[in-house]
Amino acid sequence: MLNLFLPTEHVKNVFEITPEQLKKKGIKGIITDLDNTLVEWDRPQATPKLIEWFDEMRKNDILVTIVSNNNEQRVKSFSDPLGIPFIFQARKPMTRAFRKAVERMGLKREETVVIGDQLLTDVFGGNRGGFHTILVVPVASTDGFFTRFNRKIERRILNFFRKKGMIDWEV
């Protein structure tokens, strides 16, 4: 059961994830969280560096869908200028939004990776859905109310994994 909280991979940020690495694994699509995964939770738009990352994925035929628990206005105002499809109020870790995203991209879950900054929503939901999961370090050091609560639980889980030798990065 606890293994459902263990990400397949861990990276510092999305910029460490390249189309070449994804293609080697047979990945054709990305389901990514928005807040504190791509940008700070209170940043309304993408940074120039993030826009370049999206363009690089697009040039390499890697599809991207944003799946967020946030409200429609937040996700739409971020995603629309970039032309990136999205699902809002996803209710992660429930798997319905992940399945919907894969279906919309016309891919299989084996061809799709889930990227996020939270164990309790992104990794847990992605693993429950049978996806390859990548945990990123949160972009911002501040969080909303519910996320702060989740982070306390996540630290305990990550410390357990580290003590058991299941992860080798700092928590």
C-alpha atoms as a PDB file:
ATOM      1  CA  MET A   1       0.000   0.000   0.000  1.00  0.00           C
ATOM      2  CA  LEU A   2       2.719   2.500   0.941  1.00  0.00           C
ATOM      3  CA  ASN A   3       4.418   1.785  -2.398  1.00  0.00           C
ATOM      4  CA  LEU A   4       1.581   3.678  -4.083  1.00  0.00           C
ATOM      5  CA  PHE A   5       3.183   6.849  -2.661  1.00  0.00           C
ATOM      6  CA  LEU A   6       6.600   6.002  -4.127  1.00  0.00           C
ATOM      7  CA  PRO A   7       7.292   7.892  -7.371  1.00  0.00           C
ATOM      8  CA  THR A   8       8.931   6.078 -10.270  1.00  0.00           C
ATOM      9  CA  GLU A   9      11.407   8.977 -10.528  1.00  0.00           C
ATOM     10  CA  HIS A  10      12.377  12.155  -8.700  1.00  0.00           C
ATOM     11  CA  VAL A  11      13.803  15.321 -10.293  1.00  0.00           C
ATOM     12  CA  LYS A  12      14.468  18.847  -9.077  1.00  0.00           C
ATOM     13  CA  ASN A  13      12.184  20.454 -11.679  1.00  0.00           C
ATOM     14  CA  VAL A  14      10.388  19.832 -14.961  1.00  0.00           C
ATOM     15  CA  PHE A  15      13.345  21.253 -16.895  1.00  0.00           C
ATOM     16  CA  GLU A  16      15.291  18.087 -16.049  1.00  0.00           C
ATOM     17  CA  ILE A  17      12.703  16.106 -18.025  1.00  0.00           C
ATOM     18  CA  THR A  18      13.619  16.039 -21.715  1.00  0.00           C
ATOM     19  CA  PRO A  19      11.784  14.735 -24.761  1.00  0.00           C
ATOM     20  CA  GLU A  20      14.747  12.445 -25.497  1.00  0.00           C
ATOM     21  CA  GLN A  21      14.516  10.782 -22.071  1.00  0.00           C
ATOM     22  CA  LEU A  22      10.772  10.374 -22.413  1.00  0.00           C
ATOM     23  CA  LYS A  23      10.991   8.894 -25.909  1.00  0.00           C
ATOM     24  CA  LYS A  24      13.575   6.326 -24.741  1.00  0.00           C
ATOM     25  CA  LYS A  25      10.950   5.096 -22.279  1.00  0.00           C
ATOM     26  CA  GLY A  26       8.238   5.012 -24.947  1.00  0.00           C
ATOM     27  CA  ILE A  27       6.492   8.051 -23.451  1.00  0.00           C
ATOM     28  CA  LYS A  28       4.352  10.086 -25.858  1.00  0.00           C
ATOM     29  CA  GLY A  29       2.363  12.168 -23.388  1.00  0.00           C
ATOM     30  CA  ILE A  30       2.606  14.099 -20.145  1.00  0.00           C
ATOM     31  CA  ILE A  31      -0.085  14.667 -17.554  1.00  0.00           C
ATOM     32  CA  THR A  32       1.211  17.439 -15.335  1.00  0.00           C
ATOM     33  CA  ASP A  33       0.025  19.234 -12.266  1.00  0.00           C
ATOM     34  CA  LEU A  34       0.044  23.048 -12.396  1.00  0.00           C
ATOM     35  CA  ASP A  35       0.596  24.749  -9.047  1.00  0.00           C
ATOM     36  CA  ASN A  36       4.073  24.315  -7.555  1.00  0.00           C
ATOM     37  CA  THR A  37       4.925  21.820 -10.312  1.00  0.00           C
ATOM     38  CA  LEU A  38       5.118  24.122 -13.349  1.00  0.00           C
ATOM     39  CA  VAL A  39       5.009  27.530 -11.625  1.00  0.00           C
ATOM     40  CA  GLU A  40       4.464  28.928  -8.153  1.00  0.00           C
ATOM     41  CA  TRP A  41       0.892  28.457  -6.965  1.00  0.00           C
ATOM     42  CA  ASP A  42       0.328  32.223  -7.033  1.00  0.00           C
ATOM     43  CA  ARG A  43       1.998  32.942 -10.431  1.00  0.00           C
ATOM     44  CA  PRO A  44      -0.744  33.547 -13.021  1.00  0.00           C
ATOM     45  CA  GLN A  45       1.235  32.769 -16.200  1.00  0.00           C
ATOM     46  CA  ALA A  46       4.063  30.619 -17.519  1.00  0.00           C
ATOM     47  CA  THR A  47       7.653  31.815 -17.346  1.00  0.00           C
ATOM     48  CA  PRO A  48       9.635  32.196 -20.603  1.00  0.00           C
ATOM     49  CA  LYS A  49      11.717  29.139 -19.627  1.00  0.00           C
ATOM     50  CA  LEU A  50       8.555  27.065 -19.119  1.00  0.00           C
ATOM     51  CA  ILE A  51       7.162  28.213 -22.470  1.00  0.00           C
ATOM     52  CA  GLU A  52      10.398  26.979 -24.081  1.00  0.00           C
ATOM     53  CA  TRP A  53       9.985  23.612 -22.295  1.00  0.00           C
ATOM     54  CA  PHE A  54       6.425  23.261 -23.621  1.00  0.00           C
ATOM     55  CA  ASP A  55       7.629  24.215 -27.139  1.00  0.00           C
ATOM     56  CA  GLU A  56      10.376  21.591 -26.947  1.00  0.00           C
ATOM     57  CA  MET A  57       7.839  18.927 -25.999  1.00  0.00           C
ATOM     58  CA  ARG A  58       5.548  20.032 -28.831  1.00  0.00           C
ATOM     59  CA  LYS A  59       8.409  19.953 -31.404  1.00  0.00           C
ATOM     60  CA  ASN A  60       9.138  16.387 -30.317  1.00  0.00           C
ATOM     61  CA  ASP A  61       5.499  15.285 -30.580  1.00  0.00           C
ATOM     62  CA  ILE A  62       5.093  14.868 -26.813  1.00  0.00           C
ATOM     63  CA  LEU A  63       1.519  15.769 -25.874  1.00  0.00           C
ATOM     64  CA  VAL A  64       0.877  17.657 -22.632  1.00  0.00           C
ATOM     65  CA  THR A  65      -2.301  17.969 -20.587  1.00  0.00           C
ATOM     66  CA  ILE A  66      -2.536  19.918 -17.337  1.00  0.00           C
ATOM     67  CA  VAL A  67      -4.570  18.147 -14.650  1.00  0.00           C
ATOM     68  CA  SER A  68      -5.178  20.335 -11.614  1.00  0.00           C
ATOM     69  CA  ASN A  69      -7.339  20.280  -8.523  1.00  0.00           C
ATOM     70  CA  ASN A  70      -7.621  24.060  -8.824  1.00  0.00           C
ATOM     71  CA  ASN A  71     -10.673  25.924 -10.175  1.00  0.00           C
ATOM     72  CA  GLU A  72     -11.507  26.527 -13.830  1.00  0.00           C
ATOM     73  CA  GLN A  73     -10.527  30.207 -13.904  1.00  0.00           C
ATOM     74  CA  ARG A  74      -7.034  29.528 -12.512  1.00  0.00           C
ATOM     75  CA  VAL A  75      -6.260  26.618 -14.823  1.00  0.00           C
ATOM     76  CA  LYS A  76      -7.904  28.112 -17.921  1.00  0.00           C
ATOM     77  CA  SER A  77      -6.137  31.481 -17.603  1.00  0.00           C
ATOM     78  CA  PHE A  78      -2.786  29.678 -17.356  1.00  0.00           C
ATOM     79  CA  SER A  79      -3.395  27.036 -20.051  1.00  0.00           C
ATOM     80  CA  ASP A  80      -5.331  28.899 -22.772  1.00  0.00           C
ATOM     81  CA  PRO A  81      -2.543  31.345 -23.769  1.00  0.00           C
ATOM     82  CA  LEU A  82      -0.250  28.327 -24.207  1.00  0.00           C
ATOM     83  CA  GLY A  83      -2.769  26.265 -26.145  1.00  0.00           C
ATOM     84  CA  ILE A  84      -2.463  23.413 -23.655  1.00  0.00           C
ATOM     85  CA  PRO A  85      -5.487  21.258 -22.878  1.00  0.00           C
ATOM     86  CA  PHE A  86      -6.461  21.021 -19.221  1.00  0.00           C
ATOM     87  CA  ILE A  87      -8.736  19.411 -16.689  1.00  0.00           C
ATOM     88  CA  PHE A  88      -9.677  21.474 -13.640  1.00  0.00           C
ATOM     89  CA  GLN A  89     -11.140  20.380 -10.300  1.00  0.00           C
ATOM     90  CA  ALA A  90      -9.616  16.980 -11.038  1.00  0.00           C
ATOM     91  CA  ARG A  91     -10.204  15.590  -7.539  1.00  0.00           C
ATOM     92  CA  LYS A  92      -6.764  13.959  -7.465  1.00  0.00           C
ATOM     93  CA  PRO A  93      -5.843  11.371  -6.206  1.00  0.00           C
ATOM     94  CA  MET A  94      -9.016   9.988  -7.790  1.00  0.00           C
ATOM     95  CA  THR A  95      -8.003   8.456 -11.124  1.00  0.00           C
ATOM     96  CA  ARG A  96     -10.905   9.654 -13.302  1.00  0.00           C
ATOM     97  CA  ALA A  97      -9.158  12.861 -14.493  1.00  0.00           C
ATOM     98  CA  PHE A  98      -5.979  10.926 -15.340  1.00  0.00           C
ATOM     99  CA  ARG A  99      -7.982   8.439 -17.444  1.00  0.00           C
ATOM    100  CA  LYS A 100      -9.844  11.323 -19.113  1.00  0.00           C
ATOM    101  CA  ALA A 101      -6.549  13.082 -19.986  1.00  0.00           C
ATOM    102  CA  VAL A 102      -5.079   9.933 -21.561  1.00  0.00           C
ATOM    103  CA  GLU A 103      -8.269   9.360 -23.518  1.00  0.00           C
ATOM    104  CA  ARG A 104      -8.252  12.950 -24.830  1.00  0.00           C
ATOM    105  CA  MET A 105      -4.597  12.605 -25.897  1.00  0.00           C
ATOM    106  CA  GLY A 106      -5.424   9.321 -27.646  1.00  0.00           C
ATOM    107  CA  LEU A 107      -2.684   7.483 -25.758  1.00  0.00           C
ATOM    108  CA  LYS A 108      -2.315   4.449 -23.523  1.00  0.00           C
ATOM    109  CA  ARG A 109      -1.320   4.875 -19.892  1.00  0.00           C
ATOM    110  CA  GLU A 110       1.958   3.020 -20.618  1.00  0.00           C
ATOM    111  CA  GLU A 111       2.786   5.869 -23.036  1.00  0.00           C
ATOM    112  CA  THR A 112       2.036   8.588 -20.495  1.00  0.00           C
ATOM    113  CA  VAL A 113       3.867  10.007 -17.496  1.00  0.00           C
ATOM    114  CA  VAL A 114       2.334  11.873 -14.553  1.00  0.00           C
ATOM    115  CA  ILE A 115       4.402  14.784 -13.196  1.00  0.00           C
ATOM    116  CA  GLY A 116       3.633  16.543  -9.932  1.00  0.00           C
ATOM    117  CA  ASP A 117       4.959  18.002  -6.700  1.00  0.00           C
ATOM    118  CA  GLN A 118       2.735  16.134  -4.229  1.00  0.00           C
ATOM    119  CA  LEU A 119       2.835  12.521  -3.091  1.00  0.00           C
ATOM    120  CA  LEU A 120      -0.735  12.513  -1.786  1.00  0.00           C
ATOM    121  CA  THR A 121      -2.366  13.751  -4.993  1.00  0.00           C
ATOM    122  CA  ASP A 122      -0.128  13.473  -8.065  1.00  0.00           C
ATOM    123  CA  VAL A 123       2.037  10.442  -7.264  1.00  0.00           C
ATOM    124  CA  PHE A 124      -0.604   8.481  -5.382  1.00  0.00           C
ATOM    125  CA  GLY A 125      -3.227   9.143  -8.068  1.00  0.00           C
ATOM    126  CA  GLY A 126      -0.802   8.439 -10.913  1.00  0.00           C
ATOM    127  CA  ASN A 127       0.399   5.204  -9.341  1.00  0.00           C
ATOM    128  CA  ARG A 128      -3.166   4.077  -8.619  1.00  0.00           C
ATOM    129  CA  GLY A 129      -3.912   4.648 -12.299  1.00  0.00           C
ATOM    130  CA  GLY A 130      -0.908   2.562 -13.386  1.00  0.00           C
ATOM    131  CA  PHE A 131       1.200   5.463 -14.698  1.00  0.00           C
ATOM    132  CA  HIS A 132       4.924   6.172 -14.608  1.00  0.00           C
ATOM    133  CA  THR A 133       5.183   8.973 -12.008  1.00  0.00           C
ATOM    134  CA  ILE A 134       7.761  11.725 -11.596  1.00  0.00           C
ATOM    135  CA  LEU A 135       7.904  13.750  -8.397  1.00  0.00           C
ATOM    136  CA  VAL A 136       9.371  17.251  -8.693  1.00  0.00           C
ATOM    137  CA  VAL A 137      10.553  19.525  -5.906  1.00  0.00           C
ATOM    138  CA  PRO A 138       7.856  22.184  -5.323  1.00  0.00           C
ATOM    139  CA  VAL A 139       8.619  25.396  -7.244  1.00  0.00           C
ATOM    140  CA  ALA A 140       7.627  27.614  -4.291  1.00  0.00           C
ATOM    141  CA  SER A 141       8.423  27.192  -0.623  1.00  0.00           C
ATOM    142  CA  THR A 142       4.934  28.399   0.326  1.00  0.00           C
ATOM    143  CA  ASP A 143       1.673  26.510  -0.113  1.00  0.00           C
ATOM    144  CA  GLY A 144      -2.040  26.946   0.246  1.00  0.00           C
ATOM    145  CA  PHE A 145      -3.747  25.767   3.459  1.00  0.00           C
ATOM    146  CA  PHE A 146      -4.604  22.185   2.451  1.00  0.00           C
ATOM    147  CA  THR A 147      -1.274  21.647   0.735  1.00  0.00           C
ATOM    148  CA  ARG A 148       0.596  22.658   3.918  1.00  0.00           C
ATOM    149  CA  PHE A 149      -1.255  19.892   5.761  1.00  0.00           C
ATOM    150  CA  ASN A 150      -0.442  17.382   3.002  1.00  0.00           C
ATOM    151  CA  ARG A 151       3.250  18.328   3.075  1.00  0.00           C
ATOM    152  CA  LYS A 152       3.505  17.292   6.748  1.00  0.00           C
ATOM    153  CA  ILE A 153       2.176  13.833   5.913  1.00  0.00           C
ATOM    154  CA  GLU A 154       4.390  13.635   2.817  1.00  0.00           C
ATOM    155  CA  ARG A 155       7.533  14.388   4.851  1.00  0.00           C
ATOM    156  CA  ARG A 156       6.743  11.459   7.140  1.00  0.00           C
ATOM    157  CA  ILE A 157       6.207   9.104   4.212  1.00  0.00           C
ATOM    158  CA  LEU A 158       9.407  10.272   2.474  1.00  0.00           C
ATOM    159  CA  ASN A 159      11.399   9.902   5.704  1.00  0.00           C
ATOM    160  CA  PHE A 160      10.092   6.346   6.024  1.00  0.00           C
ATOM    161  CA  PHE A 161      11.142   5.588   2.435  1.00  0.00           C
ATOM    162  CA  ARG A 162      14.575   7.087   3.024  1.00  0.00           C
ATOM    163  CA  LYS A 163      15.133   5.077   6.229  1.00  0.00           C
ATOM    164  CA  LYS A 164      14.131   1.896   4.374  1.00  0.00           C
ATOM    165  CA  GLY A 165      16.585   2.722   1.573  1.00  0.00           C
ATOM    166  CA  MET A 166      13.769   3.088  -0.967  1.00  0.00           C
ATOM    167  CA  ILE A 167      14.796   6.622  -2.004  1.00  0.00           C
ATOM    168  CA  ASP A 168      18.199   8.254  -2.121  1.00  0.00           C
ATOM    169  CA  TRP A 169      17.351  11.937  -2.333  1.00  0.00           C
ATOM    170  CA  GLU A 170      16.970  14.452   0.486  1.00  0.00           C
ATOM    171  CA  VAL A 171      13.539  15.189   1.882  1.00  0.00           C
END
